[in-house]
PDB file of all heavy atoms in Angstrom:
ATOM      1  N   THR A   1       0.873  -1.233   0.007  1.00  0.00           N
ATOM      2  CA  THR A   1       0.016  -0.039  -0.031  1.00  0.00           C
ATOM      3  C   THR A   1       0.814   1.223   0.032  1.00  0.00           C
ATOM      4  O   THR A   1       2.101   1.201   0.316  1.00  0.00           O
ATOM      5  CB  THR A   1      -0.884   0.010   1.221  1.00  0.00           C
ATOM      6  OG1 THR A   1      -0.078   0.074   2.415  1.00  0.00           O
ATOM      7  CG2 THR A   1      -1.798  -1.172   1.291  1.00  0.00           C
ATOM      8  N   ALA A   2       0.267   2.400  -0.296  1.00  0.00           N
ATOM      9  CA  ALA A   2       0.977   3.663  -0.293  1.00  0.00           C
ATOM     10  C   ALA A   2       1.486   3.942   1.130  1.00  0.00           C
ATOM     11  O   ALA A   2       2.628   4.520   1.313  1.00  0.00           O
ATOM     12  CB  ALA A   2       0.111   4.743  -0.746  1.00  0.00           C
ATOM     13  N   PHE A   3       0.767   3.562   2.208  1.00  0.00           N
ATOM     14  CA  PHE A   3       1.237   3.758   3.517  1.00  0.00           C
ATOM     15  C   PHE A   3       2.503   3.021   3.789  1.00  0.00           C
ATOM     16  O   PHE A   3       3.499   3.553   4.396  1.00  0.00           O
ATOM     17  CB  PHE A   3       0.172   3.271   4.582  1.00  0.00           C
ATOM     18  CG  PHE A   3       0.702   3.116   5.909  1.00  0.00           C
ATOM     19  CD1 PHE A   3       1.010   4.091   6.731  1.00  0.00           C
ATOM     20  CD2 PHE A   3       0.994   1.775   6.388  1.00  0.00           C
ATOM     21  CE1 PHE A   3       1.550   3.959   8.012  1.00  0.00           C
ATOM     22  CE2 PHE A   3       1.556   1.563   7.624  1.00  0.00           C
ATOM     23  CZ  PHE A   3       1.825   2.675   8.478  1.00  0.00           C
ATOM     24  N   GLU A   4       2.615   1.719   3.287  1.00  0.00           N
ATOM     25  CA  GLU A   4       3.845   1.013   3.421  1.00  0.00           C
ATOM     26  C   GLU A   4       4.999   1.714   2.792  1.00  0.00           C
ATOM     27  O   GLU A   4       6.143   1.737   3.331  1.00  0.00           O
ATOM     28  CB  GLU A   4       3.649  -0.425   2.871  1.00  0.00           C
ATOM     29  CG  GLU A   4       2.681  -1.280   3.708  1.00  0.00           C
ATOM     30  CD  GLU A   4       2.329  -2.575   3.024  1.00  0.00           C
ATOM     31  OE1 GLU A   4       3.197  -3.427   2.900  1.00  0.00           O
ATOM     32  OE2 GLU A   4       1.152  -2.685   2.522  1.00  0.00           O
ATOM     33  N   GLY A   5       4.829   2.250   1.577  1.00  0.00           N
ATOM     34  CA  GLY A   5       5.880   2.882   0.872  1.00  0.00           C
ATOM     35  C   GLY A   5       6.314   4.179   1.592  1.00  0.00           C
ATOM     36  O   GLY A   5       7.527   4.421   1.596  1.00  0.00           O
ATOM     37  N   ARG A   6       5.354   4.867   2.128  1.00  0.00           N
ATOM     38  CA  ARG A   6       5.759   6.132   2.791  1.00  0.00           C
ATOM     39  C   ARG A   6       6.403   5.964   4.094  1.00  0.00           C
ATOM     40  O   ARG A   6       7.295   6.621   4.531  1.00  0.00           O
ATOM     41  CB  ARG A   6       4.512   7.041   2.967  1.00  0.00           C
ATOM     42  CG  ARG A   6       3.974   7.704   1.657  1.00  0.00           C
ATOM     43  CD  ARG A   6       2.972   8.781   1.988  1.00  0.00           C
ATOM     44  NE  ARG A   6       1.787   8.212   2.676  1.00  0.00           N
ATOM     45  CZ  ARG A   6       0.671   7.818   2.065  1.00  0.00           C
ATOM     46  NH1 ARG A   6       0.690   7.878   0.702  1.00  0.00           N
ATOM     47  NH2 ARG A   6      -0.365   7.313   2.689  1.00  0.00           N
ATOM     48  N   PHE A   7       5.930   4.954   4.908  1.00  0.00           N
ATOM     49  CA  PHE A   7       6.419   4.778   6.313  1.00  0.00           C
ATOM     50  C   PHE A   7       7.702   3.959   6.371  1.00  0.00           C
ATOM     51  O   PHE A   7       8.590   4.300   7.104  1.00  0.00           O
ATOM     52  CB  PHE A   7       5.315   4.128   7.181  1.00  0.00           C
ATOM     53  CG  PHE A   7       5.670   3.980   8.590  1.00  0.00           C
ATOM     54  CD1 PHE A   7       5.461   5.114   9.447  1.00  0.00           C
ATOM     55  CD2 PHE A   7       6.122   2.829   9.124  1.00  0.00           C
ATOM     56  CE1 PHE A   7       5.836   5.084  10.709  1.00  0.00           C
ATOM     57  CE2 PHE A   7       6.541   2.777  10.477  1.00  0.00           C
ATOM     58  CZ  PHE A   7       6.357   3.847  11.306  1.00  0.00           C
ATOM     59  N   PHE A   8       7.813   2.887   5.585  1.00  0.00           N
ATOM     60  CA  PHE A   8       8.984   2.050   5.732  1.00  0.00           C
ATOM     61  C   PHE A   8       9.982   2.429   4.728  1.00  0.00           C
ATOM     62  O   PHE A   8      10.298   1.752   3.750  1.00  0.00           O
ATOM     63  CB  PHE A   8       8.522   0.537   5.540  1.00  0.00           C
ATOM     64  CG  PHE A   8       7.525   0.061   6.530  1.00  0.00           C
ATOM     65  CD1 PHE A   8       6.189   0.058   6.242  1.00  0.00           C
ATOM     66  CD2 PHE A   8       7.946  -0.286   7.844  1.00  0.00           C
ATOM     67  CE1 PHE A   8       5.253  -0.398   7.181  1.00  0.00           C
ATOM     68  CE2 PHE A   8       7.053  -0.700   8.817  1.00  0.00           C
ATOM     69  CZ  PHE A   8       5.716  -0.747   8.497  1.00  0.00           C
ATOM     70  N   HIS A   9      10.631   3.583   4.972  1.00  0.00           N
ATOM     71  CA  HIS A   9      11.511   4.260   4.043  1.00  0.00           C
ATOM     72  C   HIS A   9      13.001   4.194   4.430  1.00  0.00           C
ATOM     73  O   HIS A   9      13.812   4.532   3.617  1.00  0.00           O
ATOM     74  CB  HIS A   9      11.056   5.598   3.798  1.00  0.00           C
ATOM     75  CG  HIS A   9      11.003   6.414   5.049  1.00  0.00           C
ATOM     76  ND1 HIS A   9      12.033   6.793   5.835  1.00  0.00           N
ATOM     77  CD2 HIS A   9       9.893   6.993   5.667  1.00  0.00           C
ATOM     78  CE1 HIS A   9      11.621   7.518   6.845  1.00  0.00           C
ATOM     79  NE2 HIS A   9      10.328   7.604   6.821  1.00  0.00           N
ATOM     80  N   SER A  10      13.320   3.816   5.641  1.00  0.00           N
ATOM     81  CA  SER A  10      14.716   3.868   6.026  1.00  0.00           C
ATOM     82  C   SER A  10      15.169   2.407   6.293  1.00  0.00           C
ATOM     83  O   SER A  10      14.266   1.476   6.406  1.00  0.00           O
ATOM     84  CB  SER A  10      14.861   4.597   7.375  1.00  0.00           C
ATOM     85  OG  SER A  10      14.241   3.961   8.468  1.00  0.00           O
ATOM     86  N   PRO A  11      16.470   2.107   6.431  1.00  0.00           N
ATOM     87  CA  PRO A  11      16.930   0.733   6.620  1.00  0.00           C
ATOM     88  C   PRO A  11      16.271   0.093   7.884  1.00  0.00           C
ATOM     89  O   PRO A  11      15.856  -1.042   7.765  1.00  0.00           O
ATOM     90  CB  PRO A  11      18.423   0.879   6.765  1.00  0.00           C
ATOM     91  CG  PRO A  11      18.716   2.101   5.903  1.00  0.00           C
ATOM     92  CD  PRO A  11      17.636   2.964   6.056  1.00  0.00           C
ATOM     93  N   ALA A  12      16.238   0.782   8.967  1.00  0.00           N
ATOM     94  CA  ALA A  12      15.662   0.285  10.150  1.00  0.00           C
ATOM     95  C   ALA A  12      14.143  -0.079  10.038  1.00  0.00           C
ATOM     96  O   ALA A  12      13.697  -1.146  10.379  1.00  0.00           O
ATOM     97  CB  ALA A  12      15.795   1.169  11.332  1.00  0.00           C
ATOM     98  N   ARG A  13      13.398   0.811   9.338  1.00  0.00           N
ATOM     99  CA  ARG A  13      12.023   0.567   9.124  1.00  0.00           C
ATOM    100  C   ARG A  13      11.790  -0.555   8.077  1.00  0.00           C
ATOM    101  O   ARG A  13      10.820  -1.261   8.115  1.00  0.00           O
ATOM    102  CB  ARG A  13      11.296   1.853   8.757  1.00  0.00           C
ATOM    103  CG  ARG A  13      11.290   2.898   9.765  1.00  0.00           C
ATOM    104  CD  ARG A  13      10.375   3.991   9.446  1.00  0.00           C
ATOM    105  NE  ARG A  13      10.362   5.095  10.526  1.00  0.00           N
ATOM    106  CZ  ARG A  13       9.561   6.097  10.569  1.00  0.00           C
ATOM    107  NH1 ARG A  13       8.639   6.240   9.573  1.00  0.00           N
ATOM    108  NH2 ARG A  13       9.606   6.980  11.556  1.00  0.00           N
ATOM    109  N   LYS A  14      12.656  -0.620   7.103  1.00  0.00           N
ATOM    110  CA  LYS A  14      12.481  -1.691   6.121  1.00  0.00           C
ATOM    111  C   LYS A  14      12.777  -3.050   6.776  1.00  0.00           C
ATOM    112  O   LYS A  14      12.157  -4.061   6.434  1.00  0.00           O
ATOM    113  CB  LYS A  14      13.485  -1.485   4.936  1.00  0.00           C
ATOM    114  CG  LYS A  14      13.004  -0.356   3.958  1.00  0.00           C
ATOM    115  CD  LYS A  14      13.799  -0.321   2.701  1.00  0.00           C
ATOM    116  CE  LYS A  14      15.087   0.314   2.804  1.00  0.00           C
ATOM    117  NZ  LYS A  14      15.787   0.518   1.516  1.00  0.00           N
ATOM    118  N   ILE A  15      13.729  -3.114   7.745  1.00  0.00           N
ATOM    119  CA  ILE A  15      13.925  -4.417   8.475  1.00  0.00           C
ATOM    120  C   ILE A  15      12.674  -4.741   9.218  1.00  0.00           C
ATOM    121  O   ILE A  15      12.205  -5.872   9.208  1.00  0.00           O
ATOM    122  CB  ILE A  15      15.090  -4.275   9.441  1.00  0.00           C
ATOM    123  CG1 ILE A  15      16.404  -4.185   8.647  1.00  0.00           C
ATOM    124  CG2 ILE A  15      15.176  -5.436  10.406  1.00  0.00           C
ATOM    125  CD1 ILE A  15      17.660  -3.873   9.509  1.00  0.00           C
ATOM    126  N   LEU A  16      12.007  -3.725   9.871  1.00  0.00           N
ATOM    127  CA  LEU A  16      10.790  -3.961  10.542  1.00  0.00           C
ATOM    128  C   LEU A  16       9.739  -4.421   9.570  1.00  0.00           C
ATOM    129  O   LEU A  16       8.940  -5.355   9.882  1.00  0.00           O
ATOM    130  CB  LEU A  16      10.335  -2.715  11.242  1.00  0.00           C
ATOM    131  CG  LEU A  16       9.008  -2.733  11.977  1.00  0.00           C
ATOM    132  CD1 LEU A  16       8.959  -3.749  13.068  1.00  0.00           C
ATOM    133  CD2 LEU A  16       8.596  -1.337  12.496  1.00  0.00           C
ATOM    134  N   TRP A  17       9.650  -3.819   8.413  1.00  0.00           N
ATOM    135  CA  TRP A  17       8.612  -4.235   7.404  1.00  0.00           C
ATOM    136  C   TRP A  17       8.836  -5.659   6.979  1.00  0.00           C
ATOM    137  O   TRP A  17       7.863  -6.422   6.820  1.00  0.00           O
ATOM    138  CB  TRP A  17       8.820  -3.288   6.200  1.00  0.00           C
ATOM    139  CG  TRP A  17       7.827  -3.529   5.095  1.00  0.00           C
ATOM    140  CD1 TRP A  17       6.466  -3.070   5.078  1.00  0.00           C
ATOM    141  CD2 TRP A  17       7.992  -4.156   3.837  1.00  0.00           C
ATOM    142  NE1 TRP A  17       5.890  -3.430   3.885  1.00  0.00           N
ATOM    143  CE2 TRP A  17       6.761  -4.068   3.105  1.00  0.00           C
ATOM    144  CE3 TRP A  17       9.128  -4.770   3.255  1.00  0.00           C
ATOM    145  CZ2 TRP A  17       6.666  -4.655   1.834  1.00  0.00           C
ATOM    146  CZ3 TRP A  17       8.999  -5.291   2.024  1.00  0.00           C
ATOM    147  CH2 TRP A  17       7.764  -5.289   1.304  1.00  0.00           C
ATOM    148  N   LEU A  18      10.149  -6.120   6.856  1.00  0.00           N
ATOM    149  CA  LEU A  18      10.363  -7.526   6.497  1.00  0.00           C
ATOM    150  C   LEU A  18       9.874  -8.459   7.577  1.00  0.00           C
ATOM    151  O   LEU A  18       9.298  -9.522   7.313  1.00  0.00           O
ATOM    152  CB  LEU A  18      11.869  -7.726   6.242  1.00  0.00           C
ATOM    153  CG  LEU A  18      12.394  -7.105   4.950  1.00  0.00           C
ATOM    154  CD1 LEU A  18      13.929  -7.227   4.914  1.00  0.00           C
ATOM    155  CD2 LEU A  18      11.759  -7.630   3.746  1.00  0.00           C
ATOM    156  N   PHE A  19      10.127  -8.063   8.877  1.00  0.00           N
ATOM    157  CA  PHE A  19       9.630  -8.852   9.968  1.00  0.00           C
ATOM    158  C   PHE A  19       8.061  -8.970   9.900  1.00  0.00           C
ATOM    159  O   PHE A  19       7.514 -10.062  10.246  1.00  0.00           O
ATOM    160  CB  PHE A  19      10.056  -8.253  11.304  1.00  0.00           C
ATOM    161  CG  PHE A  19      11.365  -8.770  11.789  1.00  0.00           C
ATOM    162  CD1 PHE A  19      12.408  -7.884  11.971  1.00  0.00           C
ATOM    163  CD2 PHE A  19      11.532 -10.064  12.182  1.00  0.00           C
ATOM    164  CE1 PHE A  19      13.640  -8.401  12.500  1.00  0.00           C
ATOM    165  CE2 PHE A  19      12.713 -10.601  12.665  1.00  0.00           C
ATOM    166  CZ  PHE A  19      13.778  -9.746  12.815  1.00  0.00           C
ATOM    167  N   LEU A  20       7.496  -7.892   9.469  1.00  0.00           N
ATOM    168  CA  LEU A  20       6.000  -7.831   9.512  1.00  0.00           C
ATOM    169  C   LEU A  20       5.336  -8.314   8.203  1.00  0.00           C
ATOM    170  O   LEU A  20       4.156  -8.243   8.076  1.00  0.00           O
ATOM    171  CB  LEU A  20       5.542  -6.401   9.756  1.00  0.00           C
ATOM    172  CG  LEU A  20       5.901  -5.852  11.106  1.00  0.00           C
ATOM    173  CD1 LEU A  20       5.504  -4.323  11.245  1.00  0.00           C
ATOM    174  CD2 LEU A  20       5.189  -6.566  12.291  1.00  0.00           C
ATOM    175  N   GLN A  21       6.112  -8.863   7.307  1.00  0.00           N
ATOM    176  CA  GLN A  21       5.580  -9.384   6.063  1.00  0.00           C
ATOM    177  C   GLN A  21       4.336 -10.299   6.259  1.00  0.00           C
ATOM    178  O   GLN A  21       3.357 -10.114   5.516  1.00  0.00           O
ATOM    179  CB  GLN A  21       6.626 -10.090   5.291  1.00  0.00           C
ATOM    180  CG  GLN A  21       7.557  -9.265   4.490  1.00  0.00           C
ATOM    181  CD  GLN A  21       6.845  -8.619   3.241  1.00  0.00           C
ATOM    182  OE1 GLN A  21       6.608  -9.350   2.237  1.00  0.00           O
ATOM    183  NE2 GLN A  21       6.517  -7.363   3.362  1.00  0.00           N
ATOM    184  N   PRO A  22       4.428 -11.248   7.167  1.00  0.00           N
ATOM    185  CA  PRO A  22       3.137 -12.106   7.336  1.00  0.00           C
ATOM    186  C   PRO A  22       1.966 -11.279   7.697  1.00  0.00           C
ATOM    187  O   PRO A  22       0.779 -11.598   7.259  1.00  0.00           O
ATOM    188  CB  PRO A  22       3.597 -13.031   8.489  1.00  0.00           C
ATOM    189  CG  PRO A  22       5.020 -13.004   8.517  1.00  0.00           C
ATOM    190  CD  PRO A  22       5.437 -11.659   8.089  1.00  0.00           C
ATOM    191  N   VAL A  23       2.072 -10.285   8.506  1.00  0.00           N
ATOM    192  CA  VAL A  23       0.964  -9.394   8.907  1.00  0.00           C
ATOM    193  C   VAL A  23       0.379  -8.733   7.709  1.00  0.00           C
ATOM    194  O   VAL A  23      -0.870  -8.640   7.477  1.00  0.00           O
ATOM    195  CB  VAL A  23       1.378  -8.437   9.974  1.00  0.00           C
ATOM    196  CG1 VAL A  23       0.215  -7.503  10.289  1.00  0.00           C
ATOM    197  CG2 VAL A  23       1.893  -9.152  11.207  1.00  0.00           C
ATOM    198  N   PHE A  24       1.254  -8.084   6.906  1.00  0.00           N
ATOM    199  CA  PHE A  24       0.815  -7.401   5.763  1.00  0.00           C
ATOM    200  C   PHE A  24       0.163  -8.310   4.757  1.00  0.00           C
ATOM    201  O   PHE A  24      -0.821  -7.877   4.045  1.00  0.00           O
ATOM    202  CB  PHE A  24       1.927  -6.538   5.084  1.00  0.00           C
ATOM    203  CG  PHE A  24       2.322  -5.382   5.952  1.00  0.00           C
ATOM    204  CD1 PHE A  24       3.540  -5.281   6.512  1.00  0.00           C
ATOM    205  CD2 PHE A  24       1.389  -4.321   6.133  1.00  0.00           C
ATOM    206  CE1 PHE A  24       3.938  -4.132   7.309  1.00  0.00           C
ATOM    207  CE2 PHE A  24       1.747  -3.231   6.904  1.00  0.00           C
ATOM    208  CZ  PHE A  24       3.005  -3.113   7.465  1.00  0.00           C
ATOM    209  N   TYR A  25       0.682  -9.492   4.564  1.00  0.00           N
ATOM    210  CA  TYR A  25       0.073 -10.416   3.598  1.00  0.00           C
ATOM    211  C   TYR A  25      -1.319 -10.872   4.058  1.00  0.00           C
ATOM    212  O   TYR A  25      -2.180 -11.206   3.186  1.00  0.00           O
ATOM    213  CB  TYR A  25       0.958 -11.632   3.340  1.00  0.00           C
ATOM    214  CG  TYR A  25       1.903 -11.396   2.183  1.00  0.00           C
ATOM    215  CD1 TYR A  25       3.261 -10.875   2.385  1.00  0.00           C
ATOM    216  CD2 TYR A  25       1.525 -11.640   0.919  1.00  0.00           C
ATOM    217  CE1 TYR A  25       4.055 -10.703   1.346  1.00  0.00           C
ATOM    218  CE2 TYR A  25       2.363 -11.426  -0.217  1.00  0.00           C
ATOM    219  CZ  TYR A  25       3.719 -10.981   0.041  1.00  0.00           C
ATOM    220  OH  TYR A  25       4.475 -10.724  -1.013  1.00  0.00           O
ATOM    221  N   VAL A  26      -1.616 -10.865   5.345  1.00  0.00           N
ATOM    222  CA  VAL A  26      -2.891 -11.184   5.805  1.00  0.00           C
ATOM    223  C   VAL A  26      -3.870  -9.977   5.714  1.00  0.00           C
ATOM    224  O   VAL A  26      -5.002 -10.106   5.304  1.00  0.00           O
ATOM    225  CB  VAL A  26      -2.828 -11.590   7.313  1.00  0.00           C
ATOM    226  CG1 VAL A  26      -4.202 -11.758   7.967  1.00  0.00           C
ATOM    227  CG2 VAL A  26      -2.110 -12.985   7.438  1.00  0.00           C
ATOM    228  N   LEU A  27      -3.428  -8.801   6.108  1.00  0.00           N
ATOM    229  CA  LEU A  27      -4.251  -7.632   6.206  1.00  0.00           C
ATOM    230  C   LEU A  27      -4.422  -6.889   4.863  1.00  0.00           C
ATOM    231  O   LEU A  27      -5.495  -6.328   4.648  1.00  0.00           O
ATOM    232  CB  LEU A  27      -3.678  -6.639   7.295  1.00  0.00           C
ATOM    233  CG  LEU A  27      -3.711  -7.151   8.696  1.00  0.00           C
ATOM    234  CD1 LEU A  27      -3.150  -6.086   9.711  1.00  0.00           C
ATOM    235  CD2 LEU A  27      -5.018  -7.673   9.142  1.00  0.00           C
ATOM    236  N   ARG A  28      -3.441  -6.827   4.040  1.00  0.00           N
ATOM    237  CA  ARG A  28      -3.488  -6.098   2.859  1.00  0.00           C
ATOM    238  C   ARG A  28      -4.647  -6.405   1.946  1.00  0.00           C
ATOM    239  O   ARG A  28      -5.341  -5.502   1.385  1.00  0.00           O
ATOM    240  CB  ARG A  28      -2.138  -6.219   2.077  1.00  0.00           C
ATOM    241  CG  ARG A  28      -2.013  -5.077   0.919  1.00  0.00           C
ATOM    242  CD  ARG A  28      -0.704  -5.334   0.202  1.00  0.00           C
ATOM    243  NE  ARG A  28       0.486  -5.279   1.010  1.00  0.00           N
ATOM    244  CZ  ARG A  28       1.495  -6.060   0.967  1.00  0.00           C
ATOM    245  NH1 ARG A  28       1.516  -7.083   0.108  1.00  0.00           N
ATOM    246  NH2 ARG A  28       2.599  -5.903   1.757  1.00  0.00           N
ATOM    247  N   PRO A  29      -4.900  -7.690   1.691  1.00  0.00           N
ATOM    248  CA  PRO A  29      -6.072  -7.978   0.792  1.00  0.00           C
ATOM    249  C   PRO A  29      -7.368  -7.506   1.336  1.00  0.00           C
ATOM    250  O   PRO A  29      -8.274  -7.071   0.572  1.00  0.00           O
ATOM    251  CB  PRO A  29      -6.074  -9.585   0.786  1.00  0.00           C
ATOM    252  CG  PRO A  29      -4.677  -9.971   1.101  1.00  0.00           C
ATOM    253  CD  PRO A  29      -4.215  -8.893   2.079  1.00  0.00           C
ATOM    254  N   LEU A  30      -7.552  -7.444   2.678  1.00  0.00           N
ATOM    255  CA  LEU A  30      -8.792  -6.982   3.326  1.00  0.00           C
ATOM    256  C   LEU A  30      -9.026  -5.491   3.019  1.00  0.00           C
ATOM    257  O   LEU A  30     -10.152  -4.957   3.005  1.00  0.00           O
ATOM    258  CB  LEU A  30      -8.829  -7.217   4.749  1.00  0.00           C
ATOM    259  CG  LEU A  30      -8.598  -8.669   5.175  1.00  0.00           C
ATOM    260  CD1 LEU A  30      -8.565  -8.841   6.733  1.00  0.00           C
ATOM    261  CD2 LEU A  30      -9.632  -9.665   4.528  1.00  0.00           C
ATOM    262  N   TYR A  31      -7.877  -4.774   2.772  1.00  0.00           N
ATOM    263  CA  TYR A  31      -8.010  -3.289   2.617  1.00  0.00           C
ATOM    264  C   TYR A  31      -7.969  -2.983   1.050  1.00  0.00           C
ATOM    265  O   TYR A  31      -8.729  -2.174   0.639  1.00  0.00           O
ATOM    266  CB  TYR A  31      -6.823  -2.585   3.207  1.00  0.00           C
ATOM    267  CG  TYR A  31      -6.634  -1.150   2.935  1.00  0.00           C
ATOM    268  CD1 TYR A  31      -7.504  -0.217   3.463  1.00  0.00           C
ATOM    269  CD2 TYR A  31      -5.637  -0.709   2.033  1.00  0.00           C
ATOM    270  CE1 TYR A  31      -7.364   1.127   3.116  1.00  0.00           C
ATOM    271  CE2 TYR A  31      -5.546   0.613   1.663  1.00  0.00           C
ATOM    272  CZ  TYR A  31      -6.383   1.511   2.279  1.00  0.00           C
ATOM    273  OH  TYR A  31      -6.263   2.883   1.929  1.00  0.00           O
ATOM    274  N   VAL A  32      -7.102  -3.629   0.323  1.00  0.00           N
ATOM    275  CA  VAL A  32      -6.890  -3.283  -1.146  1.00  0.00           C
ATOM    276  C   VAL A  32      -7.992  -3.879  -2.002  1.00  0.00           C
ATOM    277  O   VAL A  32      -8.506  -3.211  -2.846  1.00  0.00           O
ATOM    278  CB  VAL A  32      -5.471  -3.768  -1.560  1.00  0.00           C
ATOM    279  CG1 VAL A  32      -5.256  -3.579  -3.042  1.00  0.00           C
ATOM    280  CG2 VAL A  32      -4.439  -3.129  -0.818  1.00  0.00           C
ATOM    281  N   ASN A  33      -8.338  -5.114  -1.730  1.00  0.00           N
ATOM    282  CA  ASN A  33      -9.293  -5.823  -2.634  1.00  0.00           C
ATOM    283  C   ASN A  33     -10.143  -6.859  -1.869  1.00  0.00           C
ATOM    284  O   ASN A  33      -9.981  -8.023  -2.116  1.00  0.00           O
ATOM    285  CB  ASN A  33      -8.542  -6.473  -3.781  1.00  0.00           C
ATOM    286  CG  ASN A  33      -9.427  -6.993  -4.875  1.00  0.00           C
ATOM    287  OD1 ASN A  33     -10.645  -6.731  -4.995  1.00  0.00           O
ATOM    288  ND2 ASN A  33      -8.827  -7.862  -5.763  1.00  0.00           N
ATOM    289  N   PRO A  34     -10.974  -6.335  -0.944  1.00  0.00           N
ATOM    290  CA  PRO A  34     -11.742  -7.261  -0.161  1.00  0.00           C
ATOM    291  C   PRO A  34     -12.723  -8.078  -0.948  1.00  0.00           C
ATOM    292  O   PRO A  34     -13.345  -7.624  -1.924  1.00  0.00           O
ATOM    293  CB  PRO A  34     -12.491  -6.358   0.843  1.00  0.00           C
ATOM    294  CG  PRO A  34     -12.552  -4.959   0.097  1.00  0.00           C
ATOM    295  CD  PRO A  34     -11.277  -4.897  -0.656  1.00  0.00           C
TER     296      PRO A  34
END
């Protein structure tokens, strides 16, 4: 999502984003294309 692109923009936040991949793969469809 655009939020992911804007928020996870630094190395530290990208590492966090990678940790949270399972969460985004579960929640993203419910927001983007329910």
